[in-house]
């Protein structure tokens, strides 16, 4: 599936992922290939991206995620250290 992580000032990540774990407002959840469509708000916490080349973590300061037809779009308020 394709993942894009965007903040108001830049595109942080764009690429393929096999699984993505999110810090949802109602608890942590994971998205895999062919996931049902969903829109969710995100709390402050890590987005863990698993791909063929390894694992990457992005700490977000809240935002929104949309999953639709193996395309995942994250609109993050900010990426924090």
Protein backbone atom coordinates (compact mmCIF):
# COMPACT_ATOMS: atom_id res chain seq x y z
CA UNK A 1 0.00 0.00 0.00
CA UNK A 2 1.09 3.59 -0.54
CA UNK A 3 1.63 5.92 2.43
CA UNK A 4 1.96 9.71 2.40
CA UNK A 5 2.66 11.65 5.61
CA UNK A 6 2.19 15.40 5.17
CA UNK A 7 2.55 18.32 7.60
CA UNK A 8 1.47 21.91 6.86
CA UNK A 9 5.02 22.80 5.77
CA UNK A 10 6.36 19.66 4.01
CA UNK A 11 5.88 16.09 2.83
CA UNK A 12 7.59 13.92 5.46
CA UNK A 13 7.24 10.48 3.85
CA UNK A 14 5.99 9.00 0.61
CA UNK A 15 6.43 5.34 -0.22
CA UNK A 16 5.28 1.74 0.03
CA UNK A 17 4.45 0.04 3.34
CA UNK A 18 3.39 -3.46 4.36
CA UNK A 19 1.87 -2.38 7.70
CA UNK A 20 1.36 0.88 9.56
CA UNK A 21 0.57 1.34 13.26
CA UNK A 22 -1.15 4.56 14.35
CA UNK A 23 -1.76 6.34 17.69
CA UNK A 24 -5.52 6.71 17.25
CA UNK A 25 -7.59 8.97 19.49
CA UNK A 26 -9.47 5.91 20.75
CA UNK A 27 -6.38 3.69 20.95
CA UNK A 28 -3.61 2.26 18.82
CA UNK A 29 -4.57 0.52 15.56
CA UNK A 30 -2.84 -1.10 12.60
CA UNK A 31 -3.53 -0.94 8.86
CA UNK A 32 -2.55 -3.71 6.43
CA UNK A 33 -3.04 -4.18 2.66
CA UNK A 34 -6.70 -4.23 1.55
CA UNK A 35 -7.90 -2.60 4.78
CA UNK A 36 -11.49 -1.37 4.83
CA UNK A 37 -11.91 2.37 4.15
CA UNK A 38 -11.59 4.49 7.27
CA UNK A 39 -10.99 8.01 8.54
CA UNK A 40 -9.63 8.52 12.07
CA UNK A 41 -8.15 11.25 14.22
CA UNK A 42 -4.68 10.75 15.66
CA UNK A 43 -3.29 11.61 19.09
CA UNK A 44 0.30 12.53 19.83
CA UNK A 45 2.48 9.43 19.42
CA UNK A 46 4.43 7.22 17.04
CA UNK A 47 3.43 6.14 13.54
CA UNK A 48 5.37 2.92 12.90
CA UNK A 49 5.85 2.10 9.21
CA UNK A 50 6.95 -1.42 8.25
CA UNK A 51 8.21 -1.86 4.69
CA UNK A 52 10.35 -4.28 2.70
CA UNK A 53 13.41 -2.18 3.58
CA UNK A 54 12.77 -2.14 7.34
CA UNK A 55 10.94 -0.13 9.96
CA UNK A 56 10.63 3.65 10.37
CA UNK A 57 8.99 5.64 13.17
CA UNK A 58 7.51 9.13 12.90
CA UNK A 59 6.33 10.88 16.09
CA UNK A 60 3.31 13.01 15.28
CA UNK A 61 1.61 15.72 17.31
CA UNK A 62 -1.91 14.71 16.30
CA UNK A 63 -3.66 14.75 12.96
CA UNK A 64 -5.98 12.77 10.70
CA UNK A 65 -5.53 9.56 8.68
CA UNK A 66 -7.55 8.38 5.69
CA UNK A 67 -7.37 4.82 4.31
CA UNK A 68 -8.93 4.18 0.90
CA UNK A 69 -8.10 1.50 -1.71
CA UNK A 70 -4.56 0.78 -0.42
CA UNK A 71 -3.75 4.50 -0.26
CA UNK A 72 -3.06 5.88 3.21
CA UNK A 73 -2.90 9.65 3.70
CA UNK A 74 -1.77 11.16 7.01
CA UNK A 75 -2.30 14.88 7.59
CA UNK A 76 -0.15 15.46 10.68
CA UNK A 77 -0.18 18.66 12.72
CA UNK A 78 3.60 18.35 13.22
CA UNK A 79 6.43 15.85 13.47
CA UNK A 80 8.03 16.00 16.93
CA UNK A 81 11.45 14.83 18.09
